[in-house]
C-alpha atoms as a PDB file:
ATOM      1  CA  UNK A   1     -17.463   0.145 -42.607  1.00  0.00           C
ATOM      2  CA  UNK A   2     -15.089   2.252 -41.407  1.00  0.00           C
ATOM      3  CA  UNK A   3     -14.075   1.263 -37.743  1.00  0.00           C
ATOM      4  CA  UNK A   4     -12.937   3.306 -35.493  1.00  0.00           C
ATOM      5  CA  UNK A   5     -10.965   1.861 -32.621  1.00  0.00           C
ATOM      6  CA  UNK A   6      -8.341   3.912 -31.213  1.00  0.00           C
ATOM      7  CA  UNK A   7      -8.601   7.713 -29.767  1.00  0.00           C
ATOM      8  CA  UNK A   8      -6.759  10.386 -32.229  1.00  0.00           C
ATOM      9  CA  UNK A   9      -6.426  14.218 -31.200  1.00  0.00           C
ATOM     10  CA  UNK A  10      -4.889  15.935 -34.487  1.00  0.00           C
ATOM     11  CA  UNK A  11      -4.779  19.686 -33.282  1.00  0.00           C
ATOM     12  CA  UNK A  12      -4.724  21.249 -37.332  1.00  0.00           C
ATOM     13  CA  UNK A  13      -2.786  24.676 -38.123  1.00  0.00           C
ATOM     14  CA  UNK A  14      -4.932  27.765 -38.437  1.00  0.00           C
ATOM     15  CA  UNK A  15      -4.228  29.190 -42.281  1.00  0.00           C
ATOM     16  CA  UNK A  16      -4.095  25.080 -44.040  1.00  0.00           C
ATOM     17  CA  UNK A  17      -7.443  23.401 -41.549  1.00  0.00           C
ATOM     18  CA  UNK A  18      -8.758  22.428 -44.968  1.00  0.00           C
ATOM     19  CA  UNK A  19      -5.741  20.639 -46.056  1.00  0.00           C
ATOM     20  CA  UNK A  20      -5.264  19.594 -42.432  1.00  0.00           C
ATOM     21  CA  UNK A  21      -8.481  18.012 -42.643  1.00  0.00           C
ATOM     22  CA  UNK A  22      -7.603  16.027 -46.073  1.00  0.00           C
ATOM     23  CA  UNK A  23      -4.688  14.652 -44.566  1.00  0.00           C
ATOM     24  CA  UNK A  24      -6.175  13.358 -41.868  1.00  0.00           C
ATOM     25  CA  UNK A  25      -8.861  11.707 -44.580  1.00  0.00           C
ATOM     26  CA  UNK A  26      -6.276  10.400 -46.815  1.00  0.00           C
ATOM     27  CA  UNK A  27      -4.050   9.311 -43.362  1.00  0.00           C
ATOM     28  CA  UNK A  28      -6.856   7.384 -40.923  1.00  0.00           C
ATOM     29  CA  UNK A  29      -9.480   6.986 -43.068  1.00  0.00           C
ATOM     30  CA  UNK A  30      -8.299   6.076 -46.616  1.00  0.00           C
ATOM     31  CA  UNK A  31      -5.304   4.998 -45.200  1.00  0.00           C
ATOM     32  CA  UNK A  32      -3.624   5.795 -48.138  1.00  0.00           C
ATOM     33  CA  UNK A  33      -0.702   8.363 -46.779  1.00  0.00           C
ATOM     34  CA  UNK A  34       1.781   7.189 -44.109  1.00  0.00           C
ATOM     35  CA  UNK A  35       3.463  10.671 -42.960  1.00  0.00           C
ATOM     36  CA  UNK A  36       7.041   9.993 -41.569  1.00  0.00           C
ATOM     37  CA  UNK A  37       5.745  11.200 -38.087  1.00  0.00           C
ATOM     38  CA  UNK A  38       2.500  10.489 -36.509  1.00  0.00           C
ATOM     39  CA  UNK A  39       0.203  13.659 -36.747  1.00  0.00           C
ATOM     40  CA  UNK A  40      -1.530  12.652 -33.710  1.00  0.00           C
ATOM     41  CA  UNK A  41      -0.808  12.648 -30.078  1.00  0.00           C
ATOM     42  CA  UNK A  42      -2.871  12.870 -26.507  1.00  0.00           C
ATOM     43  CA  UNK A  43      -0.455  15.701 -25.756  1.00  0.00           C
ATOM     44  CA  UNK A  44      -2.231  18.034 -28.141  1.00  0.00           C
ATOM     45  CA  UNK A  45       0.812  19.049 -30.390  1.00  0.00           C
ATOM     46  CA  UNK A  46      -0.302  20.932 -33.382  1.00  0.00           C
ATOM     47  CA  UNK A  47       0.983  19.414 -36.882  1.00  0.00           C
ATOM     48  CA  UNK A  48       2.917  22.736 -36.517  1.00  0.00           C
ATOM     49  CA  UNK A  49       4.926  21.611 -33.943  1.00  0.00           C
ATOM     50  CA  UNK A  50       5.115  18.055 -35.546  1.00  0.00           C
ATOM     51  CA  UNK A  51       5.838  18.507 -39.251  1.00  0.00           C
ATOM     52  CA  UNK A  52       8.272  21.116 -41.099  1.00  0.00           C
ATOM     53  CA  UNK A  53       6.548  23.405 -43.260  1.00  0.00           C
ATOM     54  CA  UNK A  54       8.177  21.585 -46.213  1.00  0.00           C
ATOM     55  CA  UNK A  55       6.934  17.695 -44.735  1.00  0.00           C
ATOM     56  CA  UNK A  56       3.445  19.512 -44.152  1.00  0.00           C
ATOM     57  CA  UNK A  57       2.986  20.581 -47.737  1.00  0.00           C
ATOM     58  CA  UNK A  58       4.704  17.902 -49.418  1.00  0.00           C
ATOM     59  CA  UNK A  59       1.741  15.926 -47.576  1.00  0.00           C
ATOM     60  CA  UNK A  60      -0.694  18.199 -48.531  1.00  0.00           C
ATOM     61  CA  UNK A  61       0.163  17.303 -51.913  1.00  0.00           C
ATOM     62  CA  UNK A  62       0.428  13.563 -51.885  1.00  0.00           C
ATOM     63  CA  UNK A  63      -2.859  13.406 -50.014  1.00  0.00           C
ATOM     64  CA  UNK A  64      -4.484  15.912 -53.057  1.00  0.00           C
ATOM     65  CA  UNK A  65      -2.857  12.825 -54.947  1.00  0.00           C
ATOM     66  CA  UNK A  66      -4.506  10.160 -53.394  1.00  0.00           C
ATOM     67  CA  UNK A  67      -7.516  11.841 -53.394  1.00  0.00           C
ATOM     68  CA  UNK A  68      -7.617  11.919 -56.748  1.00  0.00           C
ATOM     69  CA  UNK A  69      -8.024   8.430 -57.304  1.00  0.00           C
ATOM     70  CA  UNK A  70     -10.930   8.112 -54.852  1.00  0.00           C
ATOM     71  CA  UNK A  71     -14.496   8.637 -54.973  1.00  0.00           C
ATOM     72  CA  UNK A  72     -15.451  10.344 -52.152  1.00  0.00           C
ATOM     73  CA  UNK A  73     -17.708  13.052 -50.791  1.00  0.00           C
ATOM     74  CA  UNK A  74     -16.654  15.245 -47.473  1.00  0.00           C
ATOM     75  CA  UNK A  75     -19.201  17.361 -45.976  1.00  0.00           C
ATOM     76  CA  UNK A  76     -18.477  20.128 -44.412  1.00  0.00           C
ATOM     77  CA  UNK A  77     -20.932  21.393 -41.273  1.00  0.00           C
ATOM     78  CA  UNK A  78     -19.289  25.198 -40.873  1.00  0.00           C
ATOM     79  CA  UNK A  79     -20.682  26.662 -37.834  1.00  0.00           C
ATOM     80  CA  UNK A  80     -21.357  30.640 -37.393  1.00  0.00           C
ATOM     81  CA  UNK A  81     -18.216  32.914 -37.574  1.00  0.00           C
ATOM     82  CA  UNK A  82     -15.451  30.035 -38.351  1.00  0.00           C
ATOM     83  CA  UNK A  83     -12.699  30.920 -39.972  1.00  0.00           C
ATOM     84  CA  UNK A  84     -12.967  28.269 -41.859  1.00  0.00           C
ATOM     85  CA  UNK A  85     -15.507  30.525 -44.008  1.00  0.00           C
ATOM     86  CA  UNK A  86     -12.320  32.004 -45.059  1.00  0.00           C
ATOM     87  CA  UNK A  87     -11.220  28.962 -46.434  1.00  0.00           C
ATOM     88  CA  UNK A  88     -13.743  27.932 -48.861  1.00  0.00           C
ATOM     89  CA  UNK A  89     -11.609  28.185 -52.160  1.00  0.00           C
ATOM     90  CA  UNK A  90      -9.338  25.840 -50.461  1.00  0.00           C
ATOM     91  CA  UNK A  91     -12.235  23.389 -50.378  1.00  0.00           C
ATOM     92  CA  UNK A  92     -13.266  23.418 -54.254  1.00  0.00           C
ATOM     93  CA  UNK A  93      -9.183  22.950 -55.237  1.00  0.00           C
ATOM     94  CA  UNK A  94      -9.363  19.547 -54.087  1.00  0.00           C
ATOM     95  CA  UNK A  95     -10.623  16.767 -56.705  1.00  0.00           C
ATOM     96  CA  UNK A  96     -13.413  14.705 -54.190  1.00  0.00           C
ATOM     97  CA  UNK A  97     -17.114  15.847 -54.577  1.00  0.00           C
ATOM     98  CA  UNK A  98     -17.580  17.996 -51.375  1.00  0.00           C
ATOM     99  CA  UNK A  99     -21.065  19.599 -49.442  1.00  0.00           C
ATOM    100  CA  UNK A 100     -20.705  22.714 -47.398  1.00  0.00           C
ATOM    101  CA  UNK A 101     -23.548  23.168 -44.805  1.00  0.00           C
ATOM    102  CA  UNK A 102     -23.989  26.600 -43.127  1.00  0.00           C
ATOM    103  CA  UNK A 103     -26.501  27.142 -39.879  1.00  0.00           C
ATOM    104  CA  UNK A 104     -29.897  29.094 -40.644  1.00  0.00           C
ATOM    105  CA  UNK A 105     -30.779  29.199 -36.932  1.00  0.00           C
ATOM    106  CA  UNK A 106     -28.941  29.378 -33.934  1.00  0.00           C
ATOM    107  CA  UNK A 107     -29.439  30.263 -30.355  1.00  0.00           C
ATOM    108  CA  UNK A 108     -26.676  30.619 -27.916  1.00  0.00           C
ATOM    109  CA  UNK A 109     -26.043  32.303 -24.791  1.00  0.00           C
ATOM    110  CA  UNK A 110     -23.326  35.397 -24.615  1.00  0.00           C
ATOM    111  CA  UNK A 111     -21.234  35.747 -21.609  1.00  0.00           C
ATOM    112  CA  UNK A 112     -20.667  39.353 -22.357  1.00  0.00           C
ATOM    113  CA  UNK A 113     -24.087  40.434 -22.238  1.00  0.00           C
ATOM    114  CA  UNK A 114     -25.451  37.547 -20.341  1.00  0.00           C
ATOM    115  CA  UNK A 115     -28.529  36.866 -22.094  1.00  0.00           C
ATOM    116  CA  UNK A 116     -29.373  34.153 -24.781  1.00  0.00           C
ATOM    117  CA  UNK A 117     -29.037  35.791 -28.455  1.00  0.00           C
ATOM    118  CA  UNK A 118     -31.106  33.959 -31.389  1.00  0.00           C
ATOM    119  CA  UNK A 119     -29.884  34.859 -35.405  1.00  0.00           C
ATOM    120  CA  UNK A 120     -31.340  32.960 -38.476  1.00  0.00           C
ATOM    121  CA  UNK A 121     -35.005  32.175 -39.354  1.00  0.00           C
END
């Protein structure tokens, strides 16, 4: 069992969010990748500001190689209108098992119309 004792705040990139998720898994869960710089901080500095483009892409490749050596399943619970819906191909490019769940129904307050809207089943 994996124990998390320390709070970690990692602000991912927008265009490579899936790669950032897998990088966090390789660094913090599997503990197989050691970046040269800390990815987490409590000041909410984003990965954009912590790593250069080349450093990020090298770490993504390293994470992908480490995932090939492990048998894990990653479950993505993607909410309605999430930008991750546009990154599903990135999920497919990784070597591990995965599952994507999407909402079948939701109800939420719309501040613009001041009404509750329900969508789905």
